[in-house]
Amino acid sequence: MKLDTFFAELKRRNVYKVAIAYIVGGWALSQGVAQVFPVFDVPNWVIRAIVLLIILGLPVALVLAWMFELTPEGIKRTQTADAMPATAKPKKYVWIYVVVIGGAISIGLFCLGRYTASNSASAARTERATVPGKSIAVLPFENLSDDKNTAYFSDGITEEILNALAQIPNLKVAARRSAFQFKGNELDLRKIGQVLGVAHLLEGSLQKAGDQVRINVQLVDVQNGLQAWSEKYDRKLDNVFEVEDEIAKAIASKLRVQLTGGAGQPLVVDSTNNPQAHELYLRGLTLLAARGPGLLEARNSFQKAVNLDAGYAQAWGALAVTEFLLPSYGLDSFEASLPQAESAAQRALVLDPNTPSAYVAVGLANTFRCRWSEADQAFRRALVLAPGDAEAVNQYAQFLSTVGQLEASLREIERAQQLDPLSPIIGVIHAGALAALRRDNAAEAQIKSVLAAHPEFGAAYTWAATQYIDRKMYSEAEAELRSLGKLRGQNGDAKALLARGMADPAQRVAAVDSLETSPDNADIRRDPIWYAFYLVSLGQRGRALDELEIYAVKPNSAFAPWLWNRGFDPLRDEPRFKAVLAKLALPYTPAVIMEP
């Protein structure tokens, strides 16, 4: 067959048309696969295999186009189709529609891909821009000691280095709770850095043998995953403070930040020369950070530490904070813990007037005693001494919420969450701050996030139920209250009945009776504001005011910020409610911020 005759035959058999339609359609299909499959986490090798099959299919399609013809009566061999009458032959312009439609789809998918890629790149650039260059997370050091029961020692060393770095102005340090979420985790370091919102990670290992300790540390750049610096320290335990300070200063130098008070100022204060007291202090820090029932053992460890060394200011400060937290977790009464906490805080400040935890404790003491101005000053002093301490920022945010400074409280708790993004209690307080400002969708999303990440954290269920009650979403509140009851070893019926009584007047009497008498609701009755909230929500305004008047005389609640919840709105115009606020000197406006 002559060459010109061959090309004419290709045209007559529609091989050109099939080629054009196949190329356009194949291109559109490959674009669709490339854009859609990654959304469903389909591996790249599958996408490449499909594109390769599309390419290999082109010669097959051309051979089939030569051999067969599409007619109104179905697919026929070319010779058979040629012998058919003209009316039975395929339409000449159908292929044009295929090309136009396929081309439009192809161009659309291509543009979508470029737009998505551009947005992704832009988002990635924005994310990198929002992560401050002077930021770090200290991951828990791996314990390589023969005695694995001394893991608290390596954790404590990690905490002290972390706390030392938190004293450096303009350096963002991820808080302990968030950093320790990755203990024993095999996640890529870059992924951990992204989750914590930091540019650098410090990781290391510690091996203790007798009175000798070896610490290996390395600083990792999150963006490229490369090691920026590493060092090994072999020291005696009587020199451990110097080692911690040396490491903290080396990191600060690498990050090009100016140390507080100049390069000669120690970041880690050598506050005891008793190694056993130091180990007890470190063990207590681990338990304190874990919260919950372990707070009792934390108090015991700190008490033993100060018994061994009465001049240990840091241990006194930690003991004071622990004492204040016990009533909030139902582990002690306010009457018993407050005097003990205040005494420990004062001991710490006499020994070292620059102990941040002691000022946090003083702020808590004054908040519980409704001494708003003194509490404000104490929290501010703590934040001057340790500007990156997420716990201090968290407690200050709760203070601001208590005194009705809701917008300021939200700003502070958002800052605390940036420092400690995985902390359940900070997440809960953030949800409460949003709810107090009636930002319901954001509050609900926040509390759901905490519950998903920390399903055993009782405070999250407590606050979730409160938010749903505020919004009169009683079925959702019932589910959260039932979960809270079960978490506390109950069947959940007594607490669930409270929400049902709010929704159904026929069950209200039974709900009020359960609130006031059921052993399963005794935890609610122990706190006057928590108790008053449920009373007013069940229509018992007089009884709710009775409880609030008791609180005004004898403040002993862990839920003072709830006074600004909309659940108390039915009482706001009541003279008795206004008298309660007046007696508490609320709302209180903090003084203008002064430069330290």
Protein backbone atom coordinates (compact mmCIF):
# COMPACT_ATOMS: atom_id res chain seq x y z
CA MET A 1 0.00 0.00 0.00
CA LYS A 2 1.35 3.40 -0.98
CA LEU A 3 2.08 5.90 1.80
CA ASP A 4 -0.54 8.46 0.64
CA THR A 5 -3.08 5.67 0.26
CA PHE A 6 -2.25 4.45 3.80
CA PHE A 7 -2.87 7.90 5.33
CA ALA A 8 -6.09 8.24 3.37
CA GLU A 9 -7.19 4.87 4.71
CA LEU A 10 -6.33 5.99 8.27
CA LYS A 11 -8.58 8.98 7.76
CA ARG A 12 -11.38 6.91 6.23
CA ARG A 13 -11.30 4.47 9.10
CA ASN A 14 -11.48 7.35 11.65
CA VAL A 15 -8.11 6.41 13.18
CA TYR A 16 -7.14 10.11 13.43
CA LYS A 17 -10.38 10.96 15.19
CA VAL A 18 -9.97 8.11 17.66
CA ALA A 19 -6.37 9.18 18.35
CA ILE A 20 -7.39 12.77 19.07
CA ALA A 21 -10.37 11.73 21.19
CA TYR A 22 -8.25 9.18 23.09
CA ILE A 23 -5.44 11.67 23.81
CA VAL A 24 -7.87 14.32 25.04
CA GLY A 25 -9.90 11.82 27.08
CA GLY A 26 -6.78 10.15 28.46
CA TRP A 27 -5.32 13.49 29.47
CA ALA A 28 -8.56 14.42 31.24
CA LEU A 29 -8.63 11.07 33.02
CA SER A 30 -5.00 11.34 34.15
CA GLN A 31 -5.66 14.86 35.46
CA GLY A 32 -8.68 13.62 37.40
CA VAL A 33 -6.73 10.73 38.89
CA ALA A 34 -3.84 13.00 39.87
CA GLN A 35 -6.16 15.47 41.62
CA VAL A 36 -8.70 13.16 43.25
CA PHE A 37 -6.75 10.06 44.33
CA PRO A 38 -4.39 11.87 46.77
CA VAL A 39 -7.44 13.15 48.67
CA PHE A 40 -8.23 9.51 49.55
CA ASP A 41 -4.57 8.73 50.39
CA VAL A 42 -4.18 6.45 47.34
CA PRO A 43 -0.46 5.58 47.02
CA ASN A 44 1.53 7.37 44.32
CA TRP A 45 2.49 4.08 42.67
CA VAL A 46 -1.18 3.41 41.89
CA ILE A 47 -1.52 6.83 40.23
CA ARG A 48 1.63 6.24 38.19
CA ALA A 49 0.41 2.78 37.13
CA ILE A 50 -2.92 4.18 35.88
CA VAL A 51 -1.18 6.91 33.87
CA LEU A 52 1.15 4.30 32.37
CA LEU A 53 -1.84 2.12 31.37
CA ILE A 54 -3.48 5.13 29.70
CA ILE A 55 -0.31 5.70 27.64
CA LEU A 56 0.01 2.01 26.70
CA GLY A 57 -3.65 1.96 25.72
CA LEU A 58 -3.15 4.45 22.86
CA PRO A 59 -1.65 1.96 20.29
CA VAL A 60 -4.29 -0.59 21.29
CA ALA A 61 -7.06 1.96 20.64
CA LEU A 62 -5.56 2.82 17.23
CA VAL A 63 -5.40 -0.85 16.19
CA LEU A 64 -9.03 -1.35 17.25
CA ALA A 65 -10.02 1.80 15.33
CA TRP A 66 -8.41 0.33 12.17
CA MET A 67 -10.11 -3.02 12.58
CA PHE A 68 -13.59 -2.04 13.86
CA GLU A 69 -16.22 0.63 13.33
CA LEU A 70 -18.90 1.90 15.70
CA THR A 71 -22.31 1.88 13.99
CA PRO A 72 -25.92 2.39 15.15
CA GLU A 73 -26.20 -1.40 15.07
CA GLY A 74 -23.17 -1.86 17.33
CA ILE A 75 -19.46 -2.53 16.75
CA LYS A 76 -18.76 -4.06 13.33
CA ARG A 77 -15.61 -5.01 11.52
CA THR A 78 -14.55 -2.28 9.09
CA GLN A 79 -15.27 -4.39 6.00
CA THR A 80 -18.81 -5.11 7.22
CA ALA A 81 -19.43 -1.46 8.08
CA ASP A 82 -18.29 -0.37 4.58
CA ALA A 83 -20.93 -2.63 3.02
CA MET A 84 -23.75 -1.19 5.16
CA PRO A 85 -26.14 1.47 3.75
CA ALA A 86 -25.23 5.12 4.43
CA THR A 87 -28.02 5.58 7.00
CA ALA A 88 -26.56 2.83 9.11
CA LYS A 89 -23.09 4.31 9.15
CA PRO A 90 -21.76 6.23 12.12
CA LYS A 91 -22.34 9.98 12.48
CA LYS A 92 -19.37 11.98 11.28
CA TYR A 93 -19.32 14.61 14.00
CA VAL A 94 -19.88 12.61 17.17
CA TRP A 95 -16.16 12.52 17.80
CA ILE A 96 -16.04 16.33 17.84
CA TYR A 97 -18.35 16.39 20.88
CA VAL A 98 -16.12 13.86 22.61
CA VAL A 99 -13.07 16.03 21.99
CA VAL A 100 -14.75 19.26 23.11
CA ILE A 101 -16.21 17.76 26.28
CA GLY A 102 -13.01 15.93 27.14
CA GLY A 103 -10.97 19.06 26.47
CA ALA A 104 -13.17 21.14 28.74
CA ILE A 105 -12.88 18.58 31.54
CA SER A 106 -9.13 18.37 31.04
CA ILE A 107 -8.62 22.13 31.18
CA GLY A 108 -10.88 22.40 34.23
CA LEU A 109 -9.01 19.70 36.13
CA PHE A 110 -5.66 21.16 35.13
CA CYS A 111 -6.64 24.61 36.41
CA LEU A 112 -8.05 23.06 39.59
CA GLY A 113 -4.79 21.24 40.15
CA ARG A 114 -2.75 24.38 39.71
CA TYR A 115 -5.11 26.32 42.00
CA THR A 116 -4.98 23.61 44.67
CA ALA A 117 -1.21 23.33 44.43
CA SER A 118 -0.90 27.09 44.66
CA ASN A 119 -3.14 27.19 47.71
CA SER A 120 -1.28 24.31 49.33
CA ALA A 121 2.04 26.00 48.73
CA SER A 122 0.64 29.27 50.02
CA ALA A 123 -0.75 27.54 53.11
CA ALA A 124 2.59 25.84 53.69
CA ARG A 125 4.38 29.18 53.40
CA THR A 126 1.88 30.76 55.78
CA GLU A 127 2.33 27.92 58.26
CA ARG A 128 6.09 28.31 58.14
CA ALA A 129 5.73 32.05 58.58
CA THR A 130 3.53 31.66 61.66
CA VAL A 131 6.05 29.38 63.39
CA PRO A 132 8.51 31.73 65.11
CA GLY A 133 12.15 31.02 64.36
CA LYS A 134 12.94 31.39 68.06
CA SER A 135 10.85 28.47 69.24
CA ILE A 136 11.66 25.06 70.66
CA ALA A 137 10.17 21.96 72.21
CA VAL A 138 12.16 19.85 74.66
CA LEU A 139 11.20 16.22 74.12
CA PRO A 140 11.46 13.83 77.09
CA PHE A 141 14.95 12.42 77.36
CA GLU A 142 15.27 8.67 76.88
CA ASN A 143 16.22 6.86 80.07
CA LEU A 144 19.15 4.51 79.34
CA SER A 145 19.88 3.70 82.98
CA ASP A 146 19.92 0.07 84.10
CA ASP A 147 17.25 0.87 86.66
CA LYS A 148 14.19 1.74 84.56
CA ASN A 149 12.37 2.86 87.70
CA THR A 150 14.45 6.05 87.61
CA ALA A 151 12.64 7.25 84.47
CA TYR A 152 11.29 10.13 86.53
CA PHE A 153 14.87 11.37 86.87
CA SER A 154 15.37 11.74 83.11
CA ASP A 155 11.89 13.30 82.86
CA GLY A 156 12.80 15.75 85.59
CA ILE A 157 16.04 16.75 83.92
CA THR A 158 14.03 17.41 80.76
CA GLU A 159 11.58 19.54 82.72
CA GLU A 160 14.28 21.63 84.35
CA ILE A 161 15.93 22.40 81.02
CA LEU A 162 12.50 23.24 79.61
CA ASN A 163 11.72 25.55 82.53
CA ALA A 164 15.11 27.22 82.21
CA LEU A 165 14.50 27.99 78.54
CA ALA A 166 11.00 29.28 79.35
CA GLN A 167 12.62 32.13 81.31
CA ILE A 168 14.19 33.56 78.16
CA PRO A 169 12.21 36.49 76.72
CA ASN A 170 10.97 36.17 73.13
CA LEU A 171 11.68 32.44 73.03
CA LYS A 172 8.60 30.26 72.56
CA VAL A 173 8.98 27.00 74.48
CA ALA A 174 6.36 24.27 74.06
CA ALA A 175 5.05 23.31 77.48
CA ARG A 176 5.84 20.05 79.19
CA ARG A 177 2.41 18.46 78.82
CA SER A 178 2.41 18.82 75.04
CA ALA A 179 6.05 17.82 74.58
CA PHE A 180 5.63 14.74 76.80
CA GLN A 181 2.71 13.51 74.68
CA PHE A 182 5.39 12.22 72.30
CA LYS A 183 7.27 10.20 74.89
CA GLY A 184 8.17 6.88 73.29
CA ASN A 185 6.52 7.98 70.04
CA GLU A 186 8.16 7.04 66.76
CA LEU A 187 6.69 9.94 64.78
CA ASP A 188 8.96 11.84 62.43
CA LEU A 189 10.58 14.77 64.23
CA ARG A 190 9.36 17.17 61.56
CA LYS A 191 5.78 16.04 62.16
CA ILE A 192 6.19 16.55 65.92
CA GLY A 193 7.55 20.03 65.30
CA GLN A 194 4.55 20.88 63.12
CA VAL A 195 2.09 19.65 65.74
CA LEU A 196 3.79 21.66 68.50
CA GLY A 197 4.28 24.73 66.29
CA VAL A 198 8.02 25.08 66.88
CA ALA A 199 11.05 25.51 64.65
CA HIS A 200 13.47 23.41 66.74
CA LEU A 201 13.38 20.24 68.80
CA LEU A 202 15.76 19.20 71.56
CA GLU A 203 15.98 15.48 72.15
CA GLY A 204 18.42 13.45 74.16
CA SER A 205 19.18 10.56 76.46
CA LEU A 206 20.31 10.19 80.04
CA GLN A 207 22.21 7.37 81.69
CA LYS A 208 22.64 7.35 85.45
CA ALA A 209 25.04 5.02 87.26
CA GLY A 210 25.77 5.63 90.93
CA ASP A 211 26.71 9.26 91.32
CA GLN A 212 27.64 9.61 87.64
CA VAL A 213 25.33 10.85 84.88
CA ARG A 214 25.84 11.05 81.12
CA ILE A 215 23.56 13.29 79.08
CA ASN A 216 23.52 13.30 75.28
CA VAL A 217 21.55 16.07 73.56
CA GLN A 218 20.93 17.17 69.99
CA LEU A 219 19.13 20.15 68.51
CA VAL A 220 17.11 19.41 65.36
CA ASP A 221 15.89 21.91 62.76
CA VAL A 222 12.24 20.96 62.14
CA GLN A 223 12.11 22.36 58.61
CA ASN A 224 14.78 20.07 57.17
CA GLY A 225 15.03 17.43 59.89
CA LEU A 226 18.79 17.93 60.15
CA GLN A 227 20.82 18.01 63.33
CA ALA A 228 21.91 21.58 64.07
CA TRP A 229 24.00 20.81 67.14
CA SER A 230 24.82 17.97 69.52
CA GLU A 231 26.83 17.55 72.69
CA LYS A 232 27.67 15.00 75.37
CA TYR A 233 27.98 15.78 79.09
CA ASP A 234 29.60 13.48 81.66
CA ARG A 235 29.14 14.82 85.16
CA LYS A 236 28.76 13.88 88.80
CA LEU A 237 25.28 14.27 90.24
CA ASP A 238 26.47 16.96 92.63
CA ASN A 239 27.06 19.03 89.47
CA VAL A 240 23.75 18.28 87.75
CA PHE A 241 22.49 21.86 88.05
CA GLU A 242 25.53 23.16 86.23
CA VAL A 243 24.95 20.60 83.47
CA GLU A 244 21.33 21.69 83.05
CA ASP A 245 22.32 25.35 82.93
CA GLU A 246 25.12 24.63 80.47
CA ILE A 247 22.73 22.83 78.11
CA ALA A 248 20.12 25.59 78.32
CA LYS A 249 22.68 28.28 77.55
CA ALA A 250 24.11 26.31 74.60
CA ILE A 251 20.65 25.98 73.06
CA ALA A 252 19.89 29.65 73.61
CA SER A 253 23.15 30.55 71.90
CA LYS A 254 22.29 28.37 68.92
CA LEU A 255 18.91 30.10 68.62
CA ARG A 256 20.56 33.53 68.84
CA VAL A 257 18.49 34.76 71.73
CA GLN A 258 19.70 37.05 74.46
CA LEU A 259 19.72 35.49 77.90
CA THR A 260 17.88 37.13 80.73
CA GLY A 261 20.19 39.45 82.59
CA GLY A 262 23.14 38.76 80.31
CA ALA A 263 25.16 35.72 79.38
CA GLY A 264 26.50 35.25 82.92
CA GLN A 265 23.05 34.89 84.50
CA PRO A 266 22.35 31.24 85.43
CA LEU A 267 19.14 29.84 83.98
CA VAL A 268 18.94 26.91 86.37
CA VAL A 269 19.14 27.88 90.03
CA ASP A 270 21.11 25.49 92.22
CA SER A 271 18.53 25.47 95.03
CA THR A 272 19.62 22.28 96.83
CA ASN A 273 22.79 20.33 97.34
CA ASN A 274 20.88 17.25 98.46
CA PRO A 275 20.66 14.75 95.55
CA GLN A 276 17.91 12.74 97.24
CA ALA A 277 15.76 15.86 97.72
CA HIS A 278 16.38 16.77 94.10
CA GLU A 279 15.23 13.34 92.90
CA LEU A 280 12.08 13.59 95.00
CA TYR A 281 11.41 17.02 93.51
CA LEU A 282 11.83 15.68 89.98
CA ARG A 283 9.51 12.76 90.74
CA GLY A 284 6.93 15.20 92.08
CA LEU A 285 7.11 17.31 88.92
CA THR A 286 6.23 14.28 86.80
CA LEU A 287 3.22 13.49 88.98
CA LEU A 288 2.13 17.13 89.13
CA ALA A 289 2.11 17.41 85.35
CA ALA A 290 -0.03 14.26 85.08
CA ARG A 291 -2.73 15.75 87.37
CA GLY A 292 -5.53 13.51 88.66
CA PRO A 293 -5.09 11.18 91.66
CA GLY A 294 -1.30 11.36 91.26
CA LEU A 295 -1.45 14.83 92.82
CA LEU A 296 -1.59 13.23 96.26
CA GLU A 297 1.66 11.38 95.60
CA ALA A 298 3.15 14.56 94.11
CA ARG A 299 2.37 16.40 97.33
CA ASN A 300 4.00 13.59 99.28
CA SER A 301 7.17 13.76 97.13
CA PHE A 302 7.50 17.53 97.48
CA GLN A 303 6.90 17.29 101.22
CA LYS A 304 9.65 14.69 101.56
CA ALA A 305 11.97 16.90 99.49
CA VAL A 306 11.53 19.92 101.77
CA ASN A 307 11.86 17.67 104.83
CA LEU A 308 15.30 16.67 103.54
CA ASP A 309 16.22 20.24 102.58
CA ALA A 310 14.13 22.96 104.21
CA GLY A 311 15.88 25.56 102.05
CA TYR A 312 14.67 24.09 98.73
CA ALA A 313 12.63 27.02 97.31
CA GLN A 314 11.59 25.30 94.09
CA ALA A 315 10.17 22.32 95.98
CA TRP A 316 8.23 24.64 98.30
CA GLY A 317 6.76 26.47 95.28
CA ALA A 318 5.75 23.22 93.59
CA LEU A 319 4.24 21.98 96.85
CA ALA A 320 2.15 25.18 97.09
CA VAL A 321 0.74 24.81 93.56
CA THR A 322 -0.04 21.14 94.18
CA GLU A 323 -1.91 21.95 97.38
CA PHE A 324 -4.07 24.46 95.51
CA LEU A 325 -4.94 21.97 92.77
CA LEU A 326 -6.09 19.19 95.12
CA PRO A 327 -9.60 20.61 95.83
CA SER A 328 -10.27 21.12 92.12
CA TYR A 329 -9.82 17.37 91.62
CA GLY A 330 -11.86 16.41 94.69
CA LEU A 331 -8.75 15.22 96.55
CA ASP A 332 -8.95 17.62 99.51
CA SER A 333 -11.09 20.43 100.88
CA PHE A 334 -10.42 24.12 100.32
CA GLU A 335 -10.41 24.63 104.08
CA ALA A 336 -7.54 22.15 104.50
CA SER A 337 -5.49 22.95 101.41
CA LEU A 338 -5.52 26.76 101.29
CA PRO A 339 -3.59 27.39 104.53
CA GLN A 340 -1.05 24.70 103.64
CA ALA A 341 -0.59 26.13 100.14
CA GLU A 342 -0.21 29.71 101.35
CA SER A 343 2.35 28.67 103.93
CA ALA A 344 4.41 26.75 101.35
CA ALA A 345 4.30 29.65 98.90
CA GLN A 346 5.53 32.09 101.52
CA ARG A 347 8.37 29.74 102.50
CA ALA A 348 9.45 29.59 98.84
CA LEU A 349 9.44 33.38 98.47
CA VAL A 350 11.42 33.92 101.67
CA LEU A 351 14.06 31.52 100.39
CA ASP A 352 14.05 32.86 96.82
CA PRO A 353 11.87 35.88 95.91
CA ASN A 354 12.17 34.98 92.22
CA THR A 355 10.38 31.61 92.34
CA PRO A 356 7.71 31.75 89.56
CA SER A 357 5.62 28.83 90.87
CA ALA A 358 5.35 30.53 94.26
CA TYR A 359 3.83 33.62 92.65
CA VAL A 360 1.36 31.43 90.75
CA ALA A 361 0.39 29.90 94.09
CA VAL A 362 0.00 33.35 95.65
CA GLY A 363 -2.19 34.37 92.72
CA LEU A 364 -4.36 31.29 93.24
CA ALA A 365 -4.63 31.95 96.97
CA ASN A 366 -5.75 35.54 96.44
CA THR A 367 -8.20 34.46 93.75
CA PHE A 368 -9.82 31.93 96.08
CA ARG A 369 -10.02 34.62 98.77
CA CYS A 370 -11.43 37.17 96.26
CA ARG A 371 -8.49 39.52 96.68
CA TRP A 372 -8.54 40.49 93.03
CA SER A 373 -5.88 43.19 92.96
CA GLU A 374 -3.36 41.09 94.89
CA ALA A 375 -4.07 38.08 92.66
CA ASP A 376 -3.56 40.18 89.54
CA GLN A 377 -0.18 41.44 90.76
CA ALA A 378 1.02 37.96 91.73
CA PHE A 379 0.15 36.42 88.36
CA ARG A 380 1.81 39.28 86.52
CA ARG A 381 4.95 38.84 88.57
CA ALA A 382 5.02 35.12 87.76
CA LEU A 383 4.75 35.93 84.05
CA VAL A 384 7.60 38.46 84.28
CA LEU A 385 9.83 35.78 85.83
CA ALA A 386 8.71 33.02 83.43
CA PRO A 387 7.00 34.56 80.37
CA GLY A 388 6.81 31.23 78.57
CA ASP A 389 5.25 29.24 81.43
CA ALA A 390 2.00 27.87 79.97
CA GLU A 391 0.63 26.96 83.40
CA ALA A 392 1.12 30.52 84.67
CA VAL A 393 -0.58 31.91 81.55
CA ASN A 394 -3.41 29.39 81.97
CA GLN A 395 -4.00 30.35 85.59
CA TYR A 396 -3.92 34.04 84.72
CA ALA A 397 -6.50 33.45 81.97
CA GLN A 398 -8.77 31.73 84.49
CA PHE A 399 -8.33 34.65 86.89
CA LEU A 400 -9.34 37.12 84.17
CA SER A 401 -12.39 35.02 83.39
CA THR A 402 -13.35 34.95 87.07
CA VAL A 403 -13.31 38.73 87.29
CA GLY A 404 -15.35 39.17 84.12
CA GLN A 405 -12.55 40.19 81.73
CA LEU A 406 -13.76 37.75 79.09
CA GLU A 407 -12.01 39.07 75.98
CA ALA A 408 -8.70 39.40 77.85
CA SER A 409 -9.16 35.91 79.25
CA LEU A 410 -9.65 34.49 75.75
CA ARG A 411 -6.46 36.16 74.53
CA GLU A 412 -4.45 34.71 77.39
CA ILE A 413 -5.82 31.18 77.09
CA GLU A 414 -5.13 31.23 73.36
CA ARG A 415 -1.54 32.18 74.18
CA ALA A 416 -1.39 29.33 76.70
CA GLN A 417 -2.64 26.91 74.07
CA GLN A 418 0.03 28.05 71.64
CA LEU A 419 2.60 27.18 74.30
CA ASP A 420 0.89 23.92 75.27
CA PRO A 421 -1.29 22.83 72.32
CA LEU A 422 -1.97 19.30 73.61
CA SER A 423 -2.89 20.17 77.21
CA PRO A 424 -6.40 18.92 78.02
CA ILE A 425 -7.06 21.43 80.81
CA ILE A 426 -5.95 24.38 78.67
CA GLY A 427 -8.17 23.08 75.86
CA VAL A 428 -11.11 22.90 78.27
CA ILE A 429 -10.53 26.41 79.62
CA HIS A 430 -10.27 27.68 76.03
CA ALA A 431 -13.66 26.13 75.25
CA GLY A 432 -15.13 27.77 78.35
CA ALA A 433 -13.74 31.18 77.38
CA LEU A 434 -15.32 30.88 73.93
CA ALA A 435 -18.64 29.76 75.41
CA ALA A 436 -18.70 32.70 77.85
CA LEU A 437 -18.44 35.01 74.84
CA ARG A 438 -21.30 33.13 73.10
CA ARG A 439 -19.01 31.83 70.35
CA ASP A 440 -20.88 28.56 70.38
CA ASN A 441 -19.62 26.84 67.24
CA ALA A 442 -15.98 27.48 68.12
CA ALA A 443 -16.57 26.41 71.73
CA GLU A 444 -18.25 23.18 70.66
CA ALA A 445 -15.48 22.36 68.18
CA GLN A 446 -12.86 23.00 70.88
CA ILE A 447 -14.48 20.82 73.54
CA LYS A 448 -15.08 18.02 71.04
CA SER A 449 -11.40 18.17 70.11
CA VAL A 450 -10.39 17.77 73.76
CA LEU A 451 -12.81 14.86 74.29
CA ALA A 452 -11.53 13.09 71.17
CA ALA A 453 -7.90 13.42 72.28
CA HIS A 454 -8.49 12.82 76.02
CA PRO A 455 -11.56 10.59 76.51
CA GLU A 456 -10.57 9.93 80.15
CA PHE A 457 -10.41 13.60 81.16
CA GLY A 458 -13.43 14.20 83.39
CA ALA A 459 -13.27 18.02 83.34
CA ALA A 460 -13.93 17.97 79.59
CA TYR A 461 -17.27 16.18 80.11
CA THR A 462 -18.18 18.61 82.91
CA TRP A 463 -17.60 21.66 80.74
CA ALA A 464 -19.16 20.07 77.64
CA ALA A 465 -22.37 19.40 79.57
CA THR A 466 -22.36 23.00 80.81
CA GLN A 467 -22.04 24.40 77.31
CA TYR A 468 -24.91 22.24 76.02
CA ILE A 469 -27.11 23.22 78.97
CA ASP A 470 -26.40 26.89 78.27
CA ARG A 471 -27.63 26.32 74.71
CA LYS A 472 -30.60 24.19 75.85
CA MET A 473 -29.23 21.20 73.93
CA TYR A 474 -30.37 18.81 76.62
CA SER A 475 -29.96 15.48 74.81
CA GLU A 476 -26.30 16.31 74.11
CA ALA A 477 -25.86 17.43 77.72
CA GLU A 478 -27.38 14.18 78.94
CA ALA A 479 -24.86 12.15 76.92
CA GLU A 480 -21.93 14.10 78.39
CA LEU A 481 -23.27 13.82 81.96
CA ARG A 482 -23.78 10.08 81.56
CA SER A 483 -20.20 9.72 80.33
CA LEU A 484 -18.96 11.77 83.29
CA GLY A 485 -20.83 9.53 85.73
CA LYS A 486 -19.44 6.35 84.19
CA LEU A 487 -15.93 7.81 84.23
CA ARG A 488 -16.35 8.21 87.99
CA GLY A 489 -17.44 4.63 88.52
CA GLN A 490 -21.19 5.29 88.49
CA ASN A 491 -23.88 4.01 86.12
CA GLY A 492 -24.45 7.58 84.92
CA ASP A 493 -28.23 7.57 85.49
CA ALA A 494 -28.24 10.14 88.32
CA LYS A 495 -26.31 12.71 86.32
CA ALA A 496 -28.21 12.00 83.10
CA LEU A 497 -31.48 12.61 84.95
CA LEU A 498 -30.41 16.22 85.58
CA ALA A 499 -30.47 17.01 81.85
CA ARG A 500 -33.73 15.14 81.35
CA GLY A 501 -35.32 17.21 84.13
CA MET A 502 -34.30 20.40 82.36
CA ALA A 503 -35.84 19.22 79.10
CA ASP A 504 -39.02 17.62 80.52
CA PRO A 505 -41.05 19.38 83.25
CA ALA A 506 -42.59 16.03 84.16
CA GLN A 507 -39.17 14.76 85.29
CA ARG A 508 -38.06 17.97 86.99
CA VAL A 509 -39.05 17.05 90.55
CA ALA A 510 -37.15 13.75 90.30
CA ALA A 511 -34.13 15.56 88.82
CA VAL A 512 -34.06 18.14 91.62
CA ASP A 513 -34.35 15.37 94.21
CA SER A 514 -31.44 13.50 92.57
CA LEU A 515 -29.34 16.67 92.51
CA GLU A 516 -29.95 17.31 96.20
CA THR A 517 -29.77 13.77 97.61
CA SER A 518 -28.13 11.26 95.25
CA PRO A 519 -24.64 10.10 96.33
CA ASP A 520 -23.70 10.13 92.64
CA ASN A 521 -24.26 13.90 92.56
CA ALA A 522 -22.37 14.63 95.79
CA ASP A 523 -19.45 16.03 93.77
CA ILE A 524 -21.75 18.72 92.36
CA ARG A 525 -23.13 19.61 95.79
CA ARG A 526 -19.61 20.05 97.21
CA ASP A 527 -19.00 23.09 94.97
CA PRO A 528 -21.45 25.98 95.55
CA ILE A 529 -21.18 27.50 92.07
CA TRP A 530 -21.42 24.15 90.29
CA TYR A 531 -24.39 23.32 92.51
CA ALA A 532 -26.06 26.71 91.91
CA PHE A 533 -25.64 26.32 88.14
CA TYR A 534 -27.65 23.08 88.12
CA LEU A 535 -30.23 24.45 90.54
CA VAL A 536 -31.00 27.49 88.40
CA SER A 537 -31.01 25.33 85.26
CA LEU A 538 -33.71 23.19 86.92
CA GLY A 539 -35.75 26.26 87.80
CA GLN A 540 -34.72 26.43 91.48
CA ARG A 541 -33.73 30.11 91.51
CA GLY A 542 -34.18 30.63 95.23
CA ARG A 543 -32.05 27.62 96.13
CA ALA A 544 -29.42 28.71 93.60
CA LEU A 545 -29.23 32.15 95.22
CA ASP A 546 -28.89 30.49 98.62
CA GLU A 547 -25.79 28.65 97.44
CA LEU A 548 -24.31 31.77 95.86
CA GLU A 549 -24.81 33.71 99.08
CA ILE A 550 -22.96 30.95 100.94
CA TYR A 551 -20.11 31.29 98.41
CA ALA A 552 -20.01 35.08 98.89
CA VAL A 553 -19.40 34.57 102.59
CA LYS A 554 -17.04 31.63 102.25
CA PRO A 555 -15.48 31.40 98.75
CA ASN A 556 -14.61 27.77 98.09
CA SER A 557 -15.37 27.03 94.45
CA ALA A 558 -13.25 25.85 91.55
CA PHE A 559 -15.90 27.12 89.10
CA ALA A 560 -15.98 30.87 89.74
CA PRO A 561 -15.64 31.68 85.98
CA TRP A 562 -19.08 30.05 85.50
CA LEU A 563 -20.68 33.13 87.08
CA TRP A 564 -20.49 34.72 83.61
CA ASN A 565 -22.10 31.75 81.82
CA ARG A 566 -25.51 32.39 80.29
CA GLY A 567 -26.87 29.70 82.62
CA PHE A 568 -26.87 32.38 85.33
CA ASP A 569 -28.62 34.94 83.11
CA PRO A 570 -32.04 34.27 84.77
CA LEU A 571 -30.54 35.62 88.02
CA ARG A 572 -28.75 38.72 86.72
CA ASP A 573 -31.57 41.14 87.50
CA GLU A 574 -32.24 39.62 90.91
CA PRO A 575 -31.29 41.97 93.78
CA ARG A 576 -29.83 39.02 95.71
CA PHE A 577 -27.57 38.11 92.77
CA LYS A 578 -26.39 41.70 92.44
CA ALA A 579 -25.69 41.73 96.17
CA VAL A 580 -23.57 38.59 95.81
CA LEU A 581 -21.45 40.20 93.09
CA ALA A 582 -21.12 43.38 95.14
CA LYS A 583 -19.93 41.41 98.15
CA LEU A 584 -17.38 39.67 95.93
CA ALA A 585 -16.33 43.03 94.42
CA LEU A 586 -17.23 41.77 90.92
CA PRO A 587 -16.84 42.64 88.18
CA TYR A 588 -13.30 43.80 88.80
CA THR A 589 -11.25 45.63 86.17
CA PRO A 590 -7.50 44.86 86.30
CA ALA A 591 -5.10 47.77 86.49
CA VAL A 592 -3.37 49.08 83.39
CA ILE A 593 -0.49 46.79 82.43
CA MET A 594 2.78 48.23 83.63
CA GLU A 595 6.12 47.46 82.07
CA PRO A 596 8.19 45.22 84.36
